[in-house]
């Protein structure tokens, strides 16, 4: 396939969110590795009017007059205008976006009908996630009428899905959910996960390599839907009372105050560590030697990067059962999946693992193999190469 010129419309890039991986940047890197010229149009950075930078091999334009991390009319109009300006003297072959980020392109660009668009989706729309979490028959019974109602209310998102040549999802569960939700006119979906390089991650090969006392660890945004309070409840419910819980990630003052009050009420204040945000380059080191990864999230995950990081570090995962998480965690092999919001079940599985260090090593090794086998960067690059060829050529 010949080298292409690709434009990515993005809500945010690493300068907006330096403490966790940004999907648009990850996809831009993949396309760049395939030999394509990549230009990203994104929202402004606070206190900076306008900025154009080379980030690796990718050119990123932070658009003046837009709000940092916000998709609104200002971004949609500005990004379409900037696209038309660039395209007029250096034509693009492909447009790529996430969610409604390309709505401005479809609405305001005079080239919208000429250039193929790929949507990349990694998170369930909230309404879809709520339906997906329901049990089989009830979910299918509700999906048809409620999907019509909710998706009509989310018209910009629906337009972007409908007008995209392909909708690339990072988990098969998400791809299937889109097909069921938009049953009257399903998008053309593909499943391509993130590629993952495991080389920076070191794993313990014997029980002696694990921390004592045992350490549960979480990495991600410390928010209600990520299970920040559930983790405290699980910790207090454990039979073992020497277990440490470390939570790494951005946290608001309001949430942190609530965490401290809850920890005091549960009597676990001396066993929690709220570390705050950490640069992604240091995550392998921070995960090293922990006992297991705790992930009681109810967030509409497509394919959790933090769970992938934990598995690459050889940590078993104890998680609520969500459609996207099932792509990663094989119950009883690479970790344990428990019913959503079930504190007792999660605590029981954590206790079970902590009582058997050899099982932690065995499950952790299986988790590492899962990432190496299913998410090899070279294999993912090849899947993108095939998809781009099918869409453009």
Protein backbone atom coordinates (compact mmCIF):
# COMPACT_ATOMS: atom_id res chain seq x y z
CA UNK A 1 0.00 0.00 0.00
CA UNK A 2 1.33 3.43 -0.94
CA UNK A 3 2.11 5.97 1.82
CA UNK A 4 -0.96 8.05 2.64
CA UNK A 5 -1.66 11.40 4.21
CA UNK A 6 -4.00 10.90 7.16
CA UNK A 7 -5.85 13.47 9.28
CA UNK A 8 -6.97 12.53 12.79
CA UNK A 9 -9.62 14.60 14.58
CA UNK A 10 -9.05 14.27 18.33
CA UNK A 11 -10.58 15.56 21.53
CA UNK A 12 -7.24 15.31 23.36
CA UNK A 13 -3.59 14.37 23.05
CA UNK A 14 -0.90 13.56 25.67
CA UNK A 15 -0.32 17.26 26.38
CA UNK A 16 -3.90 17.37 27.66
CA UNK A 17 -3.66 14.09 29.59
CA UNK A 18 -0.04 13.27 30.44
CA UNK A 19 -0.81 10.61 33.03
CA UNK A 20 -2.46 7.92 30.95
CA UNK A 21 -2.39 6.70 27.34
CA UNK A 22 -4.42 8.74 24.86
CA UNK A 23 -6.14 6.69 22.11
CA UNK A 24 -5.66 9.28 19.35
CA UNK A 25 -1.92 9.36 20.03
CA UNK A 26 -1.74 5.56 20.03
CA UNK A 27 -3.51 5.30 16.68
CA UNK A 28 -1.39 8.12 15.24
CA UNK A 29 1.74 6.21 16.21
CA UNK A 30 0.46 3.03 14.55
CA UNK A 31 -0.27 4.84 11.29
CA UNK A 32 3.10 6.57 11.42
CA UNK A 33 4.86 3.22 11.92
CA UNK A 34 3.11 2.00 8.78
CA UNK A 35 4.81 4.79 6.83
CA UNK A 36 1.92 7.25 6.57
CA UNK A 37 2.10 11.00 7.11
CA UNK A 38 -0.16 11.80 10.08
CA UNK A 39 -1.62 15.19 10.99
CA UNK A 40 -3.72 15.58 14.16
CA UNK A 41 -6.25 18.37 14.71
CA UNK A 42 -7.07 18.69 18.40
CA UNK A 43 -8.35 21.12 21.00
CA UNK A 44 -6.27 23.91 22.50
CA UNK A 45 -4.01 23.67 25.53
CA UNK A 46 -4.88 25.86 28.50
CA UNK A 47 -3.16 29.27 28.45
CA UNK A 48 -1.71 28.62 24.96
CA UNK A 49 -3.45 30.35 22.05
CA UNK A 50 -2.24 28.21 19.18
CA UNK A 51 0.45 25.60 18.81
CA UNK A 52 1.81 23.26 16.16
CA UNK A 53 4.32 20.65 17.25
CA UNK A 54 6.02 17.54 16.00
CA UNK A 55 5.33 14.75 18.47
CA UNK A 56 7.49 11.90 17.26
CA UNK A 57 6.73 11.63 13.55
CA UNK A 58 3.24 13.07 13.98
CA UNK A 59 2.31 16.73 13.41
CA UNK A 60 -0.19 17.98 16.00
CA UNK A 61 -2.17 21.21 15.68
CA UNK A 62 -3.75 22.58 18.86
CA UNK A 63 -6.53 24.78 17.52
CA UNK A 64 -6.85 28.36 18.75
CA UNK A 65 -10.26 29.35 20.05
CA UNK A 66 -11.28 25.86 21.13
CA UNK A 67 -11.68 24.61 24.70
CA UNK A 68 -9.14 22.09 26.02
CA UNK A 69 -10.52 18.56 25.75
CA UNK A 70 -14.01 19.70 24.68
CA UNK A 71 -15.88 18.70 21.54
CA UNK A 72 -18.24 21.57 20.74
CA UNK A 73 -19.21 23.78 17.84
CA UNK A 74 -16.00 25.79 18.12
CA UNK A 75 -13.88 22.68 17.69
CA UNK A 76 -16.06 21.19 14.96
CA UNK A 77 -16.01 24.39 12.91
CA UNK A 78 -12.32 25.18 13.52
CA UNK A 79 -11.15 21.65 12.76
CA UNK A 80 -13.16 21.48 9.53
CA UNK A 81 -11.86 24.88 8.41
CA UNK A 82 -8.27 23.88 9.19
CA UNK A 83 -8.73 20.56 7.40
CA UNK A 84 -9.96 22.30 4.25
CA UNK A 85 -7.02 24.70 4.37
CA UNK A 86 -4.48 21.86 4.62
CA UNK A 87 -6.25 19.64 2.11
CA UNK A 88 -6.29 22.36 -0.55
CA UNK A 89 -2.49 22.30 -0.86
CA UNK A 90 -1.68 18.78 0.39
CA UNK A 91 -4.61 16.39 -0.14
CA UNK A 92 -5.47 13.87 2.54
CA UNK A 93 -6.29 10.26 1.66
CA UNK A 94 -8.07 9.34 4.88
CA UNK A 95 -9.77 10.86 7.93
CA UNK A 96 -9.91 9.15 11.31
CA UNK A 97 -11.75 10.13 14.48
CA UNK A 98 -13.37 8.88 17.65
CA UNK A 99 -16.94 9.36 18.80
CA UNK A 100 -18.38 12.64 17.45
CA UNK A 101 -14.96 14.24 16.85
CA UNK A 102 -15.48 14.08 13.06
CA UNK A 103 -18.96 15.60 13.14
CA UNK A 104 -17.54 18.99 12.17
CA UNK A 105 -15.77 17.43 9.20
CA UNK A 106 -19.02 15.86 7.98
CA UNK A 107 -20.97 19.07 8.60
CA UNK A 108 -18.66 21.92 7.59
CA UNK A 109 -15.93 20.54 5.29
CA UNK A 110 -16.47 20.92 1.57
CA UNK A 111 -14.48 17.71 1.06
CA UNK A 112 -16.57 15.49 3.35
CA UNK A 113 -18.04 13.45 0.51
CA UNK A 114 -14.68 12.83 -1.15
CA UNK A 115 -12.55 11.25 1.57
CA UNK A 116 -13.14 7.96 3.41
CA UNK A 117 -13.49 8.12 7.19
CA UNK A 118 -12.64 5.51 9.81
CA UNK A 119 -14.11 5.82 13.29
CA UNK A 120 -12.07 4.29 16.09
CA UNK A 121 -14.11 3.42 19.18
CA UNK A 122 -12.75 2.30 22.54
CA UNK A 123 -15.50 3.20 25.00
CA UNK A 124 -19.17 2.34 25.11
CA UNK A 125 -21.61 5.25 24.93
CA UNK A 126 -23.08 5.30 28.43
CA UNK A 127 -26.59 4.33 27.33
CA UNK A 128 -25.22 1.36 25.37
CA UNK A 129 -23.06 0.24 28.29
CA UNK A 130 -26.05 0.27 30.63
CA UNK A 131 -27.96 -1.98 28.26
CA UNK A 132 -25.00 -4.30 27.69
CA UNK A 133 -24.63 -4.98 31.41
CA UNK A 134 -28.13 -6.44 31.63
CA UNK A 135 -28.64 -10.19 31.50
CA UNK A 136 -29.12 -11.92 28.14
CA UNK A 137 -32.88 -11.97 27.47
CA UNK A 138 -33.59 -8.68 29.22
CA UNK A 139 -30.78 -6.98 27.33
CA UNK A 140 -32.02 -8.21 23.95
CA UNK A 141 -35.62 -7.36 24.85
CA UNK A 142 -34.68 -3.79 25.77
CA UNK A 143 -32.02 -3.16 23.14
CA UNK A 144 -34.24 -2.53 20.13
CA UNK A 145 -36.64 0.15 21.44
CA UNK A 146 -34.19 1.82 23.82
CA UNK A 147 -31.36 1.85 21.27
CA UNK A 148 -33.57 3.77 18.85
CA UNK A 149 -34.55 6.26 21.55
CA UNK A 150 -31.04 6.87 22.91
CA UNK A 151 -29.23 6.90 19.60
CA UNK A 152 -31.65 9.43 18.13
CA UNK A 153 -30.86 11.65 21.10
CA UNK A 154 -27.15 11.20 20.34
CA UNK A 155 -27.52 12.24 16.71
CA UNK A 156 -23.99 13.57 16.16
CA UNK A 157 -22.50 10.29 17.32
CA UNK A 158 -24.95 8.32 15.16
CA UNK A 159 -24.13 10.43 12.08
CA UNK A 160 -20.40 9.80 12.52
CA UNK A 161 -21.00 6.06 12.82
CA UNK A 162 -23.34 5.96 9.83
CA UNK A 163 -21.06 7.91 7.50
CA UNK A 164 -17.83 6.09 8.39
CA UNK A 165 -16.50 3.52 5.95
CA UNK A 166 -15.44 1.38 8.94
CA UNK A 167 -15.94 1.53 12.69
CA UNK A 168 -12.87 0.00 14.31
CA UNK A 169 -13.51 -1.18 17.87
CA UNK A 170 -10.83 -2.20 20.34
CA UNK A 171 -12.79 -5.17 21.65
CA UNK A 172 -15.11 -7.72 19.98
CA UNK A 173 -17.73 -7.04 22.65
CA UNK A 174 -17.87 -3.37 21.65
CA UNK A 175 -18.07 -4.22 17.94
CA UNK A 176 -20.97 -6.60 18.60
CA UNK A 177 -22.69 -4.01 20.79
CA UNK A 178 -22.63 -1.43 17.98
CA UNK A 179 -24.11 -3.91 15.56
CA UNK A 180 -26.93 -4.80 17.99
CA UNK A 181 -27.60 -1.21 19.04
CA UNK A 182 -27.87 0.16 15.49
CA UNK A 183 -29.74 -2.94 14.31
CA UNK A 184 -31.77 -1.05 11.68
CA UNK A 185 -28.62 0.23 9.94
CA UNK A 186 -25.57 -1.40 11.56
CA UNK A 187 -22.14 0.14 10.94
CA UNK A 188 -19.41 -1.83 9.20
CA UNK A 189 -17.37 -2.84 12.25
CA UNK A 190 -13.90 -4.33 12.69
CA UNK A 191 -12.10 -5.47 15.82
CA UNK A 192 -8.50 -4.29 16.15
CA UNK A 193 -7.11 -4.04 19.70
CA UNK A 194 -4.21 -1.93 20.86
CA UNK A 195 -0.77 -3.36 20.26
CA UNK A 196 1.21 -3.77 23.46
CA UNK A 197 4.97 -3.93 23.98
CA UNK A 198 5.65 -6.05 27.09
CA UNK A 199 9.43 -5.52 27.13
CA UNK A 200 9.44 -2.76 29.81
CA UNK A 201 7.50 -4.97 32.23
CA UNK A 202 9.31 -7.37 34.57
CA UNK A 203 7.47 -10.15 36.38
CA UNK A 204 8.14 -12.11 39.57
CA UNK A 205 9.12 -15.72 38.84
CA UNK A 206 8.79 -17.04 42.40
CA UNK A 207 6.73 -16.26 45.52
CA UNK A 208 9.81 -14.70 47.12
CA UNK A 209 9.62 -11.96 44.48
CA UNK A 210 6.22 -10.78 45.74
CA UNK A 211 5.83 -7.98 48.26
CA UNK A 212 5.23 -8.80 51.88
CA UNK A 213 2.82 -7.64 53.19
CA UNK A 214 0.69 -8.28 50.09
CA UNK A 215 -0.10 -5.26 47.96
CA UNK A 216 -3.20 -4.72 45.85
CA UNK A 217 -2.69 -2.09 43.20
CA UNK A 218 -4.89 0.01 40.93
CA UNK A 219 -3.81 2.36 38.14
CA UNK A 220 -6.24 4.74 36.46
CA UNK A 221 -8.47 7.70 37.11
CA UNK A 222 -9.61 7.63 40.73
CA UNK A 223 -13.31 8.29 40.19
CA UNK A 224 -16.60 6.85 41.38
CA UNK A 225 -17.17 4.77 38.23
CA UNK A 226 -13.63 3.39 38.37
CA UNK A 227 -14.45 1.88 41.77
CA UNK A 228 -12.44 4.12 44.07
CA UNK A 229 -14.80 3.53 47.02
CA UNK A 230 -15.44 -0.11 46.14
CA UNK A 231 -11.71 -0.77 46.52
CA UNK A 232 -11.86 0.43 50.11
CA UNK A 233 -14.88 -1.76 50.82
CA UNK A 234 -13.10 -4.78 49.34
CA UNK A 235 -9.98 -4.07 51.40
CA UNK A 236 -11.98 -3.86 54.63
CA UNK A 237 -13.82 -7.10 53.78
CA UNK A 238 -10.66 -9.21 53.41
CA UNK A 239 -9.89 -11.90 55.95
CA UNK A 240 -6.25 -10.82 55.89
CA UNK A 241 -5.77 -7.53 57.70
CA UNK A 242 -2.18 -6.83 56.67
CA UNK A 243 -2.96 -6.15 53.00
CA UNK A 244 -1.94 -2.79 51.51
CA UNK A 245 -3.95 -1.05 48.80
CA UNK A 246 -2.11 1.39 46.51
CA UNK A 247 -4.16 3.57 44.17
CA UNK A 248 -2.25 5.39 41.42
CA UNK A 249 -3.92 8.00 39.26
CA UNK A 250 -5.42 11.49 39.03
CA UNK A 251 -7.90 12.28 41.81
CA UNK A 252 -9.98 15.36 42.54
CA UNK A 253 -9.99 17.06 45.93
CA UNK A 254 -13.64 16.10 46.41
CA UNK A 255 -13.02 12.42 45.73
CA UNK A 256 -9.85 12.34 47.82
CA UNK A 257 -11.68 13.82 50.79
CA UNK A 258 -14.42 11.21 50.44
CA UNK A 259 -11.81 8.44 50.20
CA UNK A 260 -10.16 9.59 53.44
CA UNK A 261 -13.49 9.72 55.29
CA UNK A 262 -14.52 6.30 54.00
CA UNK A 263 -11.15 4.77 54.90
CA UNK A 264 -11.36 6.15 58.43
CA UNK A 265 -14.90 4.82 58.85
CA UNK A 266 -13.80 1.37 57.67
CA UNK A 267 -10.65 1.37 59.78
CA UNK A 268 -8.25 0.96 56.84
CA UNK A 269 -6.62 4.40 56.77
CA UNK A 270 -3.24 2.94 57.68
CA UNK A 271 -3.40 0.43 54.82
CA UNK A 272 -4.13 2.65 51.83
CA UNK A 273 -1.73 4.67 49.71
CA UNK A 274 -3.17 7.31 47.38
CA UNK A 275 -0.18 8.06 45.18
CA UNK A 276 -1.69 10.55 42.75
CA UNK A 277 -0.94 10.59 39.01
CA UNK A 278 2.11 8.91 37.52
CA UNK A 279 3.70 9.29 34.10
CA UNK A 280 3.02 6.31 31.90
CA UNK A 281 6.73 5.59 31.44
CA UNK A 282 7.01 4.78 35.14
CA UNK A 283 4.00 2.47 35.38
CA UNK A 284 6.01 -0.75 34.76
CA UNK A 285 8.23 0.07 37.73
CA UNK A 286 5.25 0.91 39.95
CA UNK A 287 3.49 -2.35 39.12
CA UNK A 288 6.58 -4.44 39.76
CA UNK A 289 6.29 -6.68 42.79
CA UNK A 290 2.62 -5.99 43.59
CA UNK A 291 0.54 -9.05 44.44
CA UNK A 292 -2.46 -8.49 42.16
CA UNK A 293 -4.40 -5.84 40.28
CA UNK A 294 -7.79 -4.79 41.66
CA UNK A 295 -10.24 -3.39 39.12
CA UNK A 296 -13.82 -2.91 40.44
CA UNK A 297 -14.73 -0.54 37.63
CA UNK A 298 -18.24 0.06 36.32
CA UNK A 299 -16.92 2.50 33.69
CA UNK A 300 -17.93 1.64 30.10
CA UNK A 301 -14.53 0.13 29.26
CA UNK A 302 -13.88 -1.09 25.74
CA UNK A 303 -10.39 -2.48 26.30
CA UNK A 304 -8.78 -1.25 29.51
CA UNK A 305 -5.18 -0.17 28.97
CA UNK A 306 -4.48 -0.27 32.70
CA UNK A 307 -5.61 -3.91 32.88
CA UNK A 308 -3.32 -4.69 29.95
CA UNK A 309 -0.44 -3.02 31.79
CA UNK A 310 -1.10 -5.08 34.90
CA UNK A 311 -1.25 -8.31 32.92
CA UNK A 312 1.98 -7.43 31.11
CA UNK A 313 3.55 -7.01 34.56
CA UNK A 314 2.48 -10.54 35.46
CA UNK A 315 -0.32 -9.58 37.83
CA UNK A 316 -3.55 -11.55 38.14
CA UNK A 317 -6.61 -9.30 37.84
CA UNK A 318 -9.66 -9.33 40.07
CA UNK A 319 -12.31 -7.34 38.23
CA UNK A 320 -16.02 -6.80 37.94
CA UNK A 321 -17.38 -8.68 34.95
CA UNK A 322 -17.89 -6.25 32.08
CA UNK A 323 -18.20 -7.09 28.36
CA UNK A 324 -14.95 -5.34 27.43
CA UNK A 325 -12.97 -6.85 30.32
CA UNK A 326 -13.87 -10.36 29.22
CA UNK A 327 -11.66 -9.80 26.18
CA UNK A 328 -8.67 -9.59 28.54
CA UNK A 329 -9.38 -11.52 31.72
CA UNK A 330 -10.07 -15.23 31.33
CA UNK A 331 -11.89 -16.24 34.48
CA UNK A 332 -9.81 -18.61 36.58
CA UNK A 333 -6.83 -18.42 34.20
CA UNK A 334 -5.51 -14.83 34.11
CA UNK A 335 -7.59 -13.59 37.03
CA UNK A 336 -11.11 -13.63 38.39
CA UNK A 337 -14.28 -11.93 37.15
CA UNK A 338 -17.01 -11.33 39.73
CA UNK A 339 -20.52 -9.91 39.40
CA UNK A 340 -20.58 -6.13 39.08
CA UNK A 341 -20.75 -4.31 42.44
CA UNK A 342 -20.32 -7.55 44.41
CA UNK A 343 -17.92 -6.57 47.21
CA UNK A 344 -18.13 -9.98 48.96
CA UNK A 345 -17.31 -11.93 45.79
CA UNK A 346 -14.36 -9.66 44.97
CA UNK A 347 -12.99 -9.91 48.52
CA UNK A 348 -13.35 -13.68 48.49
CA UNK A 349 -11.34 -13.99 45.26
CA UNK A 350 -8.63 -11.66 46.55
CA UNK A 351 -8.34 -13.71 49.77
CA UNK A 352 -8.23 -16.91 47.74
CA UNK A 353 -5.32 -15.64 45.66
CA UNK A 354 -3.40 -14.16 48.56
CA UNK A 355 -3.55 -17.51 50.37
CA UNK A 356 -1.81 -19.21 47.43
CA UNK A 357 1.35 -17.38 46.23
CA UNK A 358 2.06 -20.09 43.66
CA UNK A 359 -1.36 -19.43 42.13
CA UNK A 360 -0.50 -15.74 41.88
CA UNK A 361 2.66 -16.62 39.95
CA UNK A 362 0.79 -19.09 37.71
CA UNK A 363 -2.05 -16.69 36.89
CA UNK A 364 0.35 -13.80 36.44
CA UNK A 365 2.42 -15.80 33.93
CA UNK A 366 -0.77 -16.69 32.04
CA UNK A 367 -1.75 -13.02 32.01
CA UNK A 368 1.62 -12.04 30.56
CA UNK A 369 1.33 -14.72 27.84
CA UNK A 370 -2.15 -13.48 26.97
CA UNK A 371 -0.83 -9.99 26.25
CA UNK A 372 2.18 -11.32 24.33
CA UNK A 373 0.11 -13.72 22.22
CA UNK A 374 -3.00 -11.65 21.49
CA UNK A 375 -1.68 -8.09 21.39
CA UNK A 376 1.66 -8.36 19.61
CA UNK A 377 2.48 -4.93 18.11
CA UNK A 378 3.60 -6.48 14.82
CA UNK A 379 0.38 -8.46 14.45
CA UNK A 380 -1.71 -5.36 15.21
CA UNK A 381 0.25 -3.32 12.66
CA UNK A 382 -0.50 -5.93 10.02
CA UNK A 383 -4.23 -5.84 10.82
CA UNK A 384 -4.23 -2.06 10.41
CA UNK A 385 -2.32 -2.39 7.14
CA UNK A 386 -4.98 -4.75 5.78
CA UNK A 387 -7.85 -2.55 6.96
CA UNK A 388 -6.42 0.64 5.47
CA UNK A 389 -5.82 -1.13 2.19
CA UNK A 390 -9.43 -2.32 2.10
CA UNK A 391 -10.84 1.13 2.91
CA UNK A 392 -8.66 3.31 0.67
CA UNK A 393 -7.74 1.05 -2.22
